[in-house]
Amino acid sequence: MHSTSLSLFHLSSLLLLLFTFHATSAPVTDDFSTYIVHLDPSSRPEHFTTHQQWHSSIVSDVKSSTSSTHHHFSYSYQNALHGFSAVLSQQELQTLENLPGSLVLASWIPNGYTATVGTNTLLSSEGFHLISGTSMACPHASGVAALLRGAHREWSHAAIRSAMMTTANELDSSMMAIKDVGRNFTAASPLAMGAGHVVPNKAMDPGLVYDAAPQDYVSLLCSMNFTRNQIMTITRSNGYDCSESSSLDLNYPSFVAFYDKNVTTGVMLTHRFRRVVTNVGGAGARYEVKVVAPEGVKVTVWPKSLAFEKKNEQRDYNVEIVYPSDGKGRVLYGSIVWVEESGKHAVRSPIVVAPTSAGK
């Protein structure tokens, strides 16, 4: 093995994201593809004076004997992301994937359309298959959270989350219901899409937020019978205990009413919730509640209006959800929206009525 092989032993913190695409600058056969490899710049061995030398060495180390006519190191970049692009065979790719500390995510070229807008407009993926999911939603949401943190230094993590959830859009860009790819493009439910598409500009000014302190989460753990040692493992602190009253009802910007699927059909079930909202908008704000009840479910909210004389003032309200057990294990959806009289803010919270034994 030549001298550059030492680089293989300095990749313990390597993070690899590989994306295949049509190569425009190098000939690629069916057995070779162009990949973009992302690396942690802090992992560069000291004997390499530049990142480009390090990147080239990695490609040379995984080069197979059959790739002499295809071996191609395309580009090394050290800007917002660090790494390189190169043409590799499947064997070379496998070698790269097996390096210590590597994590590989790949895209692929589809044979058809990947998205539907409205009822009959199809969108192609420009040569790539596009997937949605938590792997991509997480960095998007994290970026918006960082934006809100920069704009509102005084907000807690819970307030930031609340702002993102209550201002999210449940419609897509064509003003149609968001579709669930996993259910044949039918309308997505809150269990599939959460609160909806995040809207950063609206989240900057949500009107009201549902705040929560660390002790509120500890109280939730206490109500779930977590031991003191388990709570310390989570909080990394001995400053919290279960001396305060505990509750399963966290001050969260959504409502989930669970029921036992096996309860006798027709039995009326009741869930009650209490929420506290903080006015982060202007003084003199007044909100009226709008309820979209799930099918066959009665939702009562009191009081029906909330008035705030100043910023950061808090008000509480109660929600009662009454529904019959149908024995079918259906999952039902609705929402509660606090609408400001001026029309400036609309603070929406999803409602879900679901069985605890669905699918059993």
Protein backbone atom coordinates (compact mmCIF):
# COMPACT_ATOMS: atom_id res chain seq x y z
CA MET A 1 0.00 0.00 0.00
CA HIS A 2 1.39 3.40 -0.91
CA SER A 3 2.10 6.17 1.57
CA THR A 4 -1.26 7.85 1.23
CA SER A 5 -2.93 4.75 2.66
CA LEU A 6 -2.34 6.22 6.11
CA SER A 7 -5.38 8.40 5.53
CA LEU A 8 -7.64 5.39 5.89
CA PHE A 9 -6.77 5.22 9.55
CA HIS A 10 -7.75 8.80 10.30
CA LEU A 11 -11.42 8.68 9.33
CA SER A 12 -13.06 7.78 12.64
CA SER A 13 -15.17 10.94 12.55
CA LEU A 14 -15.92 10.74 8.83
CA LEU A 15 -19.44 11.63 7.81
CA LEU A 16 -20.21 10.45 4.32
CA LEU A 17 -23.23 11.57 2.31
CA LEU A 18 -23.15 10.15 -1.18
CA PHE A 19 -25.46 11.38 -3.91
CA THR A 20 -25.29 9.83 -7.37
CA PHE A 21 -25.97 12.04 -10.37
CA HIS A 22 -25.39 12.27 -14.11
CA ALA A 23 -21.77 13.23 -14.66
CA THR A 24 -21.33 16.06 -17.11
CA SER A 25 -17.56 16.46 -16.87
CA ALA A 26 -16.44 12.81 -16.95
CA PRO A 27 -17.49 9.74 -18.92
CA VAL A 28 -19.50 7.35 -16.78
CA THR A 29 -20.43 3.81 -17.69
CA ASP A 30 -23.18 1.70 -16.17
CA ASP A 31 -20.70 0.55 -13.51
CA PHE A 32 -19.43 3.98 -12.55
CA SER A 33 -21.20 6.96 -11.04
CA THR A 34 -20.23 10.38 -9.79
CA TYR A 35 -20.53 10.86 -6.03
CA ILE A 36 -20.37 13.81 -3.70
CA VAL A 37 -18.61 12.89 -0.46
CA HIS A 38 -19.00 15.12 2.59
CA LEU A 39 -16.25 15.05 5.22
CA ASP A 40 -15.62 16.51 8.65
CA PRO A 41 -12.73 18.96 8.04
CA SER A 42 -11.42 18.47 11.59
CA SER A 43 -10.58 14.85 10.71
CA ARG A 44 -7.83 15.78 8.24
CA PRO A 45 -4.57 14.02 9.19
CA GLU A 46 -1.73 16.40 10.06
CA HIS A 47 0.60 15.08 7.34
CA PHE A 48 -1.72 16.50 4.67
CA THR A 49 -1.06 20.21 4.21
CA THR A 50 -4.31 20.85 2.30
CA HIS A 51 -7.78 19.37 2.23
CA GLN A 52 -7.40 18.71 -1.49
CA GLN A 53 -4.41 16.45 -0.84
CA TRP A 54 -6.42 14.57 1.78
CA HIS A 55 -9.42 14.18 -0.51
CA SER A 56 -7.29 12.98 -3.43
CA SER A 57 -5.59 10.47 -1.16
CA ILE A 58 -8.91 8.99 -0.08
CA VAL A 59 -9.95 8.48 -3.70
CA SER A 60 -6.58 6.89 -4.51
CA ASP A 61 -6.87 4.52 -1.56
CA VAL A 62 -10.24 3.14 -2.64
CA LYS A 63 -9.28 2.96 -6.33
CA SER A 64 -9.59 -0.56 -7.72
CA SER A 65 -7.32 -2.14 -10.32
CA THR A 66 -10.14 -2.07 -12.89
CA SER A 67 -10.77 1.65 -12.69
CA SER A 68 -7.69 3.00 -14.43
CA THR A 69 -9.69 4.41 -17.32
CA HIS A 70 -12.48 5.76 -15.14
CA HIS A 71 -10.69 7.01 -12.03
CA HIS A 72 -11.48 10.70 -11.84
CA PHE A 73 -11.14 13.19 -9.00
CA SER A 74 -13.46 16.04 -9.94
CA TYR A 75 -13.49 18.74 -7.30
CA SER A 76 -12.54 19.54 -3.73
CA TYR A 77 -14.54 22.11 -1.80
CA GLN A 78 -14.09 23.72 1.64
CA ASN A 79 -16.91 26.18 2.06
CA ALA A 80 -20.16 25.67 3.99
CA LEU A 81 -19.71 21.95 3.40
CA HIS A 82 -16.42 20.10 3.12
CA GLY A 83 -15.63 17.23 0.81
CA PHE A 84 -15.07 16.25 -2.79
CA SER A 85 -16.67 14.75 -5.88
CA ALA A 86 -15.28 11.75 -7.75
CA VAL A 87 -16.21 9.02 -10.21
CA LEU A 88 -16.24 5.64 -8.47
CA SER A 89 -17.16 2.09 -9.33
CA GLN A 90 -19.57 0.09 -7.20
CA GLN A 91 -16.61 -1.79 -5.71
CA GLU A 92 -14.87 1.47 -4.82
CA LEU A 93 -18.07 2.83 -3.36
CA GLN A 94 -18.39 -0.27 -1.18
CA THR A 95 -14.82 0.23 0.06
CA LEU A 96 -15.59 3.84 0.89
CA GLU A 97 -18.79 2.89 2.71
CA ASN A 98 -16.88 0.40 4.86
CA LEU A 99 -14.43 2.96 6.19
CA PRO A 100 -14.65 3.53 9.97
CA GLY A 101 -17.22 6.05 11.10
CA SER A 102 -18.99 6.35 7.77
CA LEU A 103 -22.68 6.94 7.18
CA VAL A 104 -24.03 6.75 3.64
CA LEU A 105 -27.26 8.20 2.30
CA ALA A 106 -27.96 7.82 -1.41
CA SER A 107 -30.39 9.08 -4.00
CA TRP A 108 -31.26 7.32 -7.24
CA ILE A 109 -32.58 8.07 -10.68
CA PRO A 110 -36.32 7.31 -10.93
CA ASN A 111 -38.28 5.89 -13.81
CA GLY A 112 -41.27 8.14 -13.34
CA TYR A 113 -42.72 11.23 -11.70
CA THR A 114 -42.15 11.90 -8.02
CA ALA A 115 -44.77 14.44 -6.99
CA THR A 116 -48.36 15.40 -7.73
CA VAL A 117 -49.70 18.95 -7.52
CA GLY A 118 -53.46 19.33 -7.44
CA THR A 119 -55.27 16.64 -9.41
CA ASN A 120 -53.36 16.25 -12.66
CA THR A 121 -50.09 18.17 -12.65
CA LEU A 122 -47.05 15.90 -12.41
CA LEU A 123 -43.58 17.06 -11.44
CA SER A 124 -40.43 15.23 -12.44
CA SER A 125 -37.38 15.17 -10.21
CA GLU A 126 -34.89 16.52 -12.77
CA GLY A 127 -33.05 13.21 -12.90
CA PHE A 128 -33.12 12.42 -9.17
CA HIS A 129 -35.56 10.60 -6.97
CA LEU A 130 -36.71 12.89 -4.16
CA ILE A 131 -37.82 11.58 -0.79
CA SER A 132 -39.48 13.46 2.04
CA GLY A 133 -39.26 12.38 5.65
CA THR A 134 -37.66 13.09 9.00
CA SER A 135 -34.15 12.92 7.51
CA MET A 136 -34.84 16.07 5.50
CA ALA A 137 -37.53 17.63 7.70
CA CYS A 138 -35.16 17.70 10.67
CA PRO A 139 -32.53 20.05 9.17
CA HIS A 140 -35.27 22.26 7.70
CA ALA A 141 -36.99 22.59 11.08
CA SER A 142 -33.65 23.05 12.84
CA GLY A 143 -32.78 25.90 10.51
CA VAL A 144 -36.07 27.66 11.21
CA ALA A 145 -35.58 27.11 14.96
CA ALA A 146 -32.14 28.74 14.73
CA LEU A 147 -33.69 31.66 12.85
CA LEU A 148 -36.30 32.16 15.57
CA ARG A 149 -33.67 31.85 18.29
CA GLY A 150 -31.68 34.62 16.68
CA ALA A 151 -34.73 36.88 16.37
CA HIS A 152 -36.15 36.14 19.83
CA ARG A 153 -33.33 35.48 22.28
CA GLU A 154 -35.74 35.49 25.20
CA TRP A 155 -37.86 32.61 23.88
CA SER A 156 -37.54 29.15 25.37
CA HIS A 157 -37.18 26.02 23.27
CA ALA A 158 -40.85 25.28 23.91
CA ALA A 159 -41.88 28.74 22.70
CA ILE A 160 -39.87 28.29 19.50
CA ARG A 161 -41.46 24.90 18.86
CA SER A 162 -44.90 26.36 19.55
CA ALA A 163 -44.36 29.21 17.09
CA MET A 164 -43.37 26.77 14.36
CA MET A 165 -46.32 24.46 15.01
CA THR A 166 -49.16 26.93 15.46
CA THR A 167 -48.28 28.92 12.32
CA ALA A 168 -47.68 25.88 10.09
CA ASN A 169 -49.74 25.54 6.93
CA GLU A 170 -51.94 22.46 6.49
CA LEU A 171 -52.30 23.20 2.76
CA ASP A 172 -49.69 22.84 0.03
CA SER A 173 -48.56 25.55 -2.39
CA SER A 174 -51.57 24.88 -4.63
CA MET A 175 -53.92 25.45 -1.65
CA MET A 176 -54.85 21.77 -1.63
CA ALA A 177 -54.59 19.40 1.31
CA ILE A 178 -51.06 18.10 1.88
CA LYS A 179 -50.81 14.62 0.37
CA ASP A 180 -49.54 11.47 2.09
CA VAL A 181 -47.20 9.62 -0.29
CA GLY A 182 -47.47 6.47 1.81
CA ARG A 183 -51.27 6.39 1.43
CA ASN A 184 -51.65 6.76 -2.32
CA PHE A 185 -51.54 10.56 -2.19
CA THR A 186 -54.66 10.90 -0.07
CA ALA A 187 -54.99 13.85 2.31
CA ALA A 188 -52.35 13.61 5.03
CA SER A 189 -53.36 13.46 8.68
CA PRO A 190 -51.58 15.11 11.64
CA LEU A 191 -50.06 11.71 12.39
CA ALA A 192 -48.31 11.89 9.00
CA MET A 193 -47.54 15.60 8.63
CA GLY A 194 -47.60 16.89 12.21
CA ALA A 195 -48.87 20.46 12.33
CA GLY A 196 -48.15 20.98 8.62
CA HIS A 197 -45.60 22.82 6.47
CA VAL A 198 -43.49 25.20 8.54
CA VAL A 199 -43.80 28.86 7.48
CA PRO A 200 -40.72 30.74 8.79
CA ASN A 201 -42.05 34.27 8.29
CA LYS A 202 -45.25 33.53 10.18
CA ALA A 203 -43.35 31.73 12.93
CA MET A 204 -41.38 34.93 13.54
CA ASP A 205 -44.62 36.56 14.75
CA PRO A 206 -46.99 33.83 16.03
CA GLY A 207 -49.14 36.02 18.29
CA LEU A 208 -49.46 33.42 21.06
CA VAL A 209 -47.11 30.67 22.22
CA TYR A 210 -47.49 27.61 24.43
CA ASP A 211 -44.51 27.81 26.77
CA ALA A 212 -43.07 25.17 29.10
CA ALA A 213 -40.26 25.12 31.65
CA PRO A 214 -37.89 22.20 32.40
CA GLN A 215 -39.89 21.34 35.52
CA ASP A 216 -42.98 20.84 33.37
CA TYR A 217 -41.19 18.07 31.50
CA VAL A 218 -39.96 16.57 34.76
CA SER A 219 -43.53 16.56 36.06
CA LEU A 220 -44.53 14.66 32.92
CA LEU A 221 -41.83 12.07 33.62
CA CYS A 222 -43.02 11.83 37.22
CA SER A 223 -46.57 11.14 36.08
CA MET A 224 -45.17 8.33 33.91
CA ASN A 225 -43.57 6.79 37.03
CA PHE A 226 -39.97 7.47 36.06
CA THR A 227 -37.60 6.90 38.98
CA ARG A 228 -35.31 9.58 40.36
CA ASN A 229 -32.28 7.91 38.77
CA GLN A 230 -34.02 7.77 35.40
CA ILE A 231 -34.94 11.46 35.64
CA MET A 232 -31.34 12.34 36.54
CA THR A 233 -30.14 10.37 33.51
CA ILE A 234 -32.34 12.51 31.27
CA THR A 235 -31.84 15.91 32.94
CA ARG A 236 -28.18 15.43 33.93
CA SER A 237 -29.05 17.28 37.11
CA ASN A 238 -30.15 16.48 40.65
CA GLY A 239 -32.04 19.76 40.84
CA TYR A 240 -35.33 18.21 39.76
CA ASP A 241 -37.61 15.83 41.62
CA CYS A 242 -41.25 14.77 41.84
CA SER A 243 -42.15 16.97 44.81
CA GLU A 244 -44.36 19.17 42.63
CA SER A 245 -47.70 17.99 41.27
CA SER A 246 -47.33 15.80 38.20
CA SER A 247 -49.52 15.66 35.12
CA LEU A 248 -49.61 13.86 31.79
CA ASP A 249 -51.07 17.02 30.25
CA LEU A 250 -48.02 18.97 29.11
CA ASN A 251 -48.63 22.55 27.93
CA TYR A 252 -48.22 21.45 24.32
CA PRO A 253 -49.72 23.08 21.17
CA SER A 254 -51.77 20.02 20.21
CA PHE A 255 -54.40 17.72 21.71
CA VAL A 256 -54.37 13.93 21.54
CA ALA A 257 -57.25 11.99 23.12
CA PHE A 258 -56.47 8.28 23.36
CA TYR A 259 -59.08 5.62 23.93
CA ASP A 260 -59.11 1.86 24.32
CA LYS A 261 -60.21 0.26 21.07
CA ASN A 262 -61.75 -2.62 23.02
CA VAL A 263 -64.15 -0.44 25.04
CA THR A 264 -67.80 -1.36 24.45
CA THR A 265 -69.19 0.35 21.36
CA GLY A 266 -71.25 3.44 22.11
CA VAL A 267 -69.65 4.22 25.48
CA MET A 268 -69.03 7.97 25.74
CA LEU A 269 -65.45 8.87 26.57
CA THR A 270 -64.25 12.23 27.87
CA HIS A 271 -60.85 13.90 27.89
CA ARG A 272 -60.10 17.29 29.43
CA PHE A 273 -57.11 19.51 28.81
CA ARG A 274 -55.83 22.80 30.22
CA ARG A 275 -53.54 25.09 28.27
CA VAL A 276 -51.74 28.35 29.02
CA VAL A 277 -50.87 30.74 26.20
CA THR A 278 -48.49 33.70 26.34
CA ASN A 279 -49.07 36.82 24.29
CA VAL A 280 -45.90 37.58 22.30
CA GLY A 281 -47.77 39.96 20.01
CA GLY A 282 -48.94 43.49 20.66
CA ALA A 283 -50.77 44.93 23.66
CA GLY A 284 -54.55 45.03 23.68
CA ALA A 285 -54.91 41.81 21.70
CA ARG A 286 -58.14 39.84 21.78
CA TYR A 287 -58.68 36.31 20.39
CA GLU A 288 -61.80 34.29 19.62
CA VAL A 289 -61.78 30.51 19.38
CA LYS A 290 -62.75 28.59 16.26
CA VAL A 291 -63.27 24.83 16.61
CA VAL A 292 -63.16 22.28 13.80
CA ALA A 293 -64.40 19.17 15.60
CA PRO A 294 -63.48 15.67 14.38
CA GLU A 295 -66.36 13.71 12.86
CA GLY A 296 -68.78 12.54 15.56
CA VAL A 297 -66.81 14.27 18.32
CA LYS A 298 -67.96 17.11 20.56
CA VAL A 299 -65.28 19.67 21.41
CA THR A 300 -65.99 22.37 23.99
CA VAL A 301 -63.59 25.24 24.72
CA TRP A 302 -63.95 27.72 27.55
CA PRO A 303 -63.59 30.62 27.77
CA LYS A 304 -64.35 31.30 24.13
CA SER A 305 -62.31 34.51 24.04
CA LEU A 306 -58.96 35.59 25.46
CA ALA A 307 -57.99 39.22 26.08
CA PHE A 308 -54.44 40.47 26.68
CA GLU A 309 -53.70 43.95 27.95
CA LYS A 310 -49.93 43.75 27.44
CA LYS A 311 -47.16 41.72 25.90
CA ASN A 312 -46.01 38.52 27.69
CA GLU A 313 -49.31 38.33 29.58
CA GLN A 314 -50.66 34.81 30.05
CA ARG A 315 -54.17 33.41 29.84
CA ASP A 316 -55.41 29.86 30.29
CA TYR A 317 -58.27 27.94 28.72
CA ASN A 318 -59.82 24.49 28.94
CA VAL A 319 -60.81 21.92 26.33
CA GLU A 320 -63.23 19.02 26.73
CA ILE A 321 -63.37 16.31 24.07
CA VAL A 322 -66.31 13.87 24.21
CA TYR A 323 -66.61 11.01 21.74
CA PRO A 324 -68.20 7.56 21.49
CA SER A 325 -66.17 4.39 21.21
CA ASP A 326 -67.09 2.75 17.89
CA GLY A 327 -65.03 -0.42 18.25
CA LYS A 328 -63.47 0.19 14.83
CA GLY A 329 -60.33 1.89 16.06
CA ARG A 330 -60.76 4.91 13.80
CA VAL A 331 -58.38 7.86 14.06
CA LEU A 332 -60.18 11.22 13.85
CA TYR A 333 -58.80 14.72 13.33
CA GLY A 334 -59.78 18.32 13.94
CA SER A 335 -58.30 21.58 15.20
CA ILE A 336 -58.63 24.52 17.55
CA VAL A 337 -57.72 27.95 16.18
CA TRP A 338 -57.42 31.14 18.22
CA VAL A 339 -58.10 33.98 15.77
CA GLU A 340 -57.14 37.55 16.65
CA GLU A 341 -59.96 40.05 16.15
CA SER A 342 -57.72 42.17 13.93
CA GLY A 343 -57.12 39.13 11.73
CA LYS A 344 -53.35 39.43 12.10
CA HIS A 345 -52.77 36.13 13.91
CA ALA A 346 -54.34 32.67 13.76
CA VAL A 347 -52.93 30.18 16.27
CA ARG A 348 -53.85 26.64 15.24
CA SER A 349 -53.52 23.42 17.26
CA PRO A 350 -54.32 19.96 15.84
CA ILE A 351 -56.76 17.59 17.58
CA VAL A 352 -56.33 13.82 17.26
CA VAL A 353 -58.67 11.17 18.66
CA ALA A 354 -56.95 7.80 18.37
CA PRO A 355 -57.10 4.27 19.81
CA THR A 356 -54.19 3.06 21.93
CA SER A 357 -54.45 -0.43 20.43
CA ALA A 358 -54.79 0.44 16.73
CA GLY A 359 -53.64 -2.32 14.47
CA LYS A 360 -53.72 -5.03 17.13
